[in-house]
Amino acid sequence: MDNQKIVSRQKYTGVKKRTFQHLINTAISILDEGNELTITELADKSGISRATAYRYFPTQNDLISAVVDYSLEPIVHWQSDEQDLGKKINDFLSFAFTQMIKHEGAIRAAMQLSLQQWATERSTSSNSSEKFVRGNHKEVLSNLLKPLQSQLNDDLNNKLIYTLSIIFGSQITVLKDVWNLDDSYIVSLSQWIIKAVINQAKQDVSKR
């Protein structure tokens, strides 16, 4: 998550902070119900004027980004004193995937916005500066796997991060929509995959 976004949210105090929180909570409720989230819809459902809603979220990108950042911020701040890396990773994945599943609506909205922006760029041959960028997990995964960095070379470290990125995040929607997996199985599957990938990376090192 972009730390600048966290700071920008913390600038609100008093009434503005309560208004922002009310808007965010309403937005999450709309998404959790499976409804489309727009700034106009948010204003109407929250009982706040559209002009006020637009002051907090001037664009759809700003709105979705704020909702996703707020929903997933606990993942960024997750900490553990567990010394065993395997157990620490399992604990993290259990926490992170539970949080993402809880806010599945926000993740799906982010995917939809990203796809819409991609389609617009393709059809208009334009390169819009207003993009929704998904990638909150880059720093999270790098920090989580830091104890392994000294054991692996740069190439394997990068491969490990890239591979984990494939299964971390919005990919939970694939497991739900295509395979109809339940939440607990998604968590255990992610733990199994990462364990297998780390073991493979360690084997690759021993072969060299």
Protein backbone atom coordinates (compact mmCIF):
# COMPACT_ATOMS: atom_id res chain seq x y z
CA MET A 1 0.00 0.00 0.00
CA ASP A 2 1.19 3.48 -0.82
CA ASN A 3 2.14 5.18 2.44
CA GLN A 4 1.15 8.52 0.96
CA LYS A 5 -2.44 7.28 0.75
CA ILE A 6 -2.39 6.32 4.42
CA VAL A 7 -1.09 9.77 5.33
CA SER A 8 -3.75 11.47 3.17
CA ARG A 9 -6.49 9.67 5.09
CA GLN A 10 -4.99 10.62 8.42
CA LYS A 11 -5.13 14.32 7.56
CA TYR A 12 -8.87 14.34 8.34
CA THR A 13 -9.87 15.31 11.86
CA GLY A 14 -13.10 15.96 13.69
CA VAL A 15 -16.21 16.14 11.53
CA LYS A 16 -14.28 15.52 8.30
CA LYS A 17 -12.79 12.35 9.71
CA ARG A 18 -16.21 11.10 10.79
CA THR A 19 -17.66 11.96 7.38
CA PHE A 20 -14.85 10.13 5.62
CA GLN A 21 -15.34 7.08 7.83
CA HIS A 22 -19.08 7.11 7.20
CA LEU A 23 -18.51 7.27 3.44
CA ILE A 24 -16.00 4.42 3.55
CA ASN A 25 -18.26 2.23 5.71
CA THR A 26 -21.18 2.90 3.38
CA ALA A 27 -19.05 2.09 0.33
CA ILE A 28 -17.96 -1.22 1.85
CA SER A 29 -21.58 -2.09 2.65
CA ILE A 30 -22.62 -1.37 -0.95
CA LEU A 31 -19.86 -3.61 -2.30
CA ASP A 32 -20.53 -6.37 0.21
CA GLU A 33 -24.11 -6.49 -1.06
CA GLY A 34 -22.78 -7.12 -4.55
CA ASN A 35 -23.87 -3.74 -5.89
CA GLU A 36 -21.95 -1.42 -8.17
CA LEU A 37 -20.24 1.43 -6.36
CA THR A 38 -20.28 4.92 -7.86
CA ILE A 39 -19.72 8.26 -6.18
CA THR A 40 -23.34 9.23 -6.87
CA GLU A 41 -24.63 5.96 -5.41
CA LEU A 42 -22.36 6.41 -2.39
CA ALA A 43 -23.68 9.91 -1.73
CA ASP A 44 -27.29 8.82 -2.00
CA LYS A 45 -26.88 5.76 0.24
CA SER A 46 -24.85 7.62 2.86
CA GLY A 47 -27.23 10.58 3.08
CA ILE A 48 -24.43 12.98 2.25
CA SER A 49 -24.60 15.50 -0.58
CA ARG A 50 -23.02 14.54 -3.87
CA ALA A 51 -20.89 17.69 -3.78
CA THR A 52 -19.44 16.59 -0.44
CA ALA A 53 -18.82 13.04 -1.66
CA TYR A 54 -16.96 14.39 -4.69
CA ARG A 55 -14.77 16.53 -2.45
CA TYR A 56 -13.55 13.39 -0.69
CA PHE A 57 -13.40 11.27 -3.86
CA PRO A 58 -13.05 13.42 -7.01
CA THR A 59 -12.87 10.38 -9.29
CA GLN A 60 -13.99 6.76 -9.34
CA ASN A 61 -10.34 5.81 -9.10
CA ASP A 62 -9.98 7.81 -5.88
CA LEU A 63 -13.05 6.14 -4.40
CA ILE A 64 -12.07 2.55 -5.19
CA SER A 65 -8.47 3.14 -4.14
CA ALA A 66 -9.58 4.52 -0.79
CA VAL A 67 -11.95 1.62 -0.15
CA VAL A 68 -9.33 -1.00 -1.07
CA ASP A 69 -6.62 0.70 0.97
CA TYR A 70 -8.87 0.96 4.01
CA SER A 71 -10.07 -2.64 3.70
CA LEU A 72 -6.62 -4.15 3.31
CA GLU A 73 -4.60 -1.83 5.53
CA PRO A 74 -4.59 -4.34 8.46
CA ILE A 75 -2.64 -6.73 6.21
CA VAL A 76 0.10 -4.14 5.71
CA HIS A 77 0.45 -3.62 9.46
CA TRP A 78 0.33 -7.31 10.37
CA GLN A 79 3.16 -8.32 12.70
CA SER A 80 4.24 -11.50 14.37
CA ASP A 81 6.92 -12.54 16.84
CA GLU A 82 6.91 -16.09 15.46
CA GLN A 83 10.50 -17.15 14.75
CA ASP A 84 9.72 -20.17 12.60
CA LEU A 85 9.34 -18.84 9.05
CA GLY A 86 6.98 -21.58 7.95
CA LYS A 87 4.60 -20.97 10.84
CA LYS A 88 4.88 -17.22 10.37
CA ILE A 89 3.93 -17.48 6.71
CA ASN A 90 0.98 -19.74 7.54
CA ASP A 91 -0.22 -17.30 10.19
CA PHE A 92 0.11 -14.40 7.80
CA LEU A 93 -1.76 -16.11 4.99
CA SER A 94 -4.54 -17.15 7.31
CA PHE A 95 -4.92 -13.54 8.46
CA ALA A 96 -4.47 -11.95 5.04
CA PHE A 97 -6.82 -14.21 3.10
CA THR A 98 -9.46 -13.94 5.81
CA GLN A 99 -9.24 -10.15 5.51
CA MET A 100 -9.42 -10.27 1.71
CA ILE A 101 -12.37 -12.65 1.74
CA LYS A 102 -14.11 -10.39 4.23
CA HIS A 103 -13.74 -7.51 1.78
CA GLU A 104 -14.19 -9.49 -1.42
CA GLY A 105 -16.49 -6.80 -2.80
CA ALA A 106 -13.71 -4.21 -2.67
CA ILE A 107 -11.28 -6.52 -4.44
CA ARG A 108 -13.79 -7.26 -7.20
CA ALA A 109 -14.47 -3.53 -7.63
CA ALA A 110 -10.75 -2.90 -7.98
CA MET A 111 -10.47 -5.61 -10.64
CA GLN A 112 -13.45 -4.21 -12.53
CA LEU A 113 -12.04 -0.69 -12.51
CA SER A 114 -8.64 -1.91 -13.67
CA LEU A 115 -10.22 -3.85 -16.55
CA GLN A 116 -12.36 -0.88 -17.56
CA GLN A 117 -9.33 1.39 -17.67
CA TRP A 118 -7.42 -1.17 -19.74
CA ALA A 119 -10.31 -1.48 -22.20
CA THR A 120 -10.62 2.31 -22.50
CA GLU A 121 -6.93 2.68 -23.25
CA ARG A 122 -7.08 -0.05 -25.88
CA SER A 123 -10.13 1.41 -27.62
CA THR A 124 -8.96 5.04 -27.57
CA SER A 125 -5.21 4.46 -27.94
CA SER A 126 -4.71 6.82 -25.04
CA ASN A 127 -2.52 6.53 -22.00
CA SER A 128 -4.52 7.94 -19.12
CA SER A 129 -2.58 9.21 -16.15
CA GLU A 130 -5.50 8.25 -13.89
CA LYS A 131 -4.97 4.57 -13.26
CA PHE A 132 -5.91 2.21 -10.52
CA VAL A 133 -2.70 0.42 -9.61
CA ARG A 134 -2.93 -2.89 -7.81
CA GLY A 135 0.23 -3.91 -6.02
CA ASN A 136 -0.30 -3.46 -2.31
CA HIS A 137 1.23 -6.89 -1.71
CA LYS A 138 4.70 -6.19 -3.14
CA GLU A 139 6.20 -4.73 0.01
CA VAL A 140 4.22 -7.08 2.24
CA LEU A 141 5.57 -10.22 0.57
CA SER A 142 9.11 -8.85 0.37
CA ASN A 143 9.17 -8.17 4.11
CA LEU A 144 7.60 -11.52 4.94
CA LEU A 145 10.22 -13.43 2.96
CA LYS A 146 13.18 -11.30 4.04
CA PRO A 147 14.66 -14.10 6.24
CA LEU A 148 15.11 -16.18 3.07
CA GLN A 149 16.92 -13.51 1.07
CA SER A 150 20.35 -14.40 2.39
CA GLN A 151 19.82 -18.06 1.42
CA LEU A 152 18.76 -17.38 -2.16
CA ASN A 153 20.34 -15.46 -5.00
CA ASP A 154 18.67 -12.45 -6.60
CA ASP A 155 17.12 -14.48 -9.39
CA LEU A 156 15.49 -16.97 -7.03
CA ASN A 157 14.38 -14.22 -4.67
CA ASN A 158 12.64 -12.46 -7.54
CA LYS A 159 11.07 -15.67 -8.83
CA LEU A 160 9.76 -16.40 -5.36
CA ILE A 161 8.17 -12.97 -5.01
CA TYR A 162 6.68 -13.11 -8.51
CA THR A 163 5.24 -16.57 -7.92
CA LEU A 164 3.70 -15.65 -4.60
CA SER A 165 2.18 -12.57 -6.19
CA ILE A 166 0.27 -14.82 -8.56
CA ILE A 167 -1.65 -16.49 -5.76
CA PHE A 168 -1.90 -13.51 -3.43
CA GLY A 169 -4.68 -10.98 -3.80
CA SER A 170 -7.45 -10.82 -6.37
CA GLN A 171 -6.74 -14.40 -7.48
CA ILE A 172 -9.10 -15.55 -4.72
CA THR A 173 -11.94 -14.66 -7.08
CA VAL A 174 -10.71 -17.28 -9.56
CA LEU A 175 -10.76 -19.97 -6.90
CA LYS A 176 -14.27 -18.94 -5.93
CA ASP A 177 -15.81 -18.34 -9.35
CA VAL A 178 -14.17 -21.10 -11.38
CA TRP A 179 -13.67 -23.82 -8.78
CA ASN A 180 -16.30 -22.84 -6.22
CA LEU A 181 -13.89 -23.39 -3.33
CA ASP A 182 -14.92 -22.43 0.16
CA ASP A 183 -13.02 -19.86 2.20
CA SER A 184 -11.19 -22.26 4.52
CA TYR A 185 -9.94 -24.37 1.61
CA ILE A 186 -8.65 -21.26 -0.17
CA VAL A 187 -6.57 -20.41 2.90
CA SER A 188 -5.14 -23.93 3.25
CA LEU A 189 -4.45 -24.12 -0.49
CA SER A 190 -2.50 -20.87 -0.42
CA GLN A 191 -0.42 -22.17 2.49
CA TRP A 192 0.30 -25.41 0.61
CA ILE A 193 1.33 -23.58 -2.58
CA ILE A 194 3.71 -21.21 -0.83
CA LYS A 195 5.30 -24.04 1.13
CA ALA A 196 5.88 -25.95 -2.12
CA VAL A 197 7.35 -22.90 -3.87
CA ILE A 198 9.74 -22.11 -1.01
CA ASN A 199 10.91 -25.73 -0.86
CA GLN A 200 11.55 -25.67 -4.62
CA ALA A 201 13.58 -22.48 -4.30
CA LYS A 202 15.70 -24.05 -1.57
CA GLN A 203 16.25 -27.16 -3.72
CA ASP A 204 17.35 -24.99 -6.63
CA VAL A 205 19.96 -23.37 -4.41
CA SER A 206 21.32 -26.74 -3.23
CA LYS A 207 21.75 -27.89 -6.84
CA ARG A 208 24.06 -25.03 -7.71
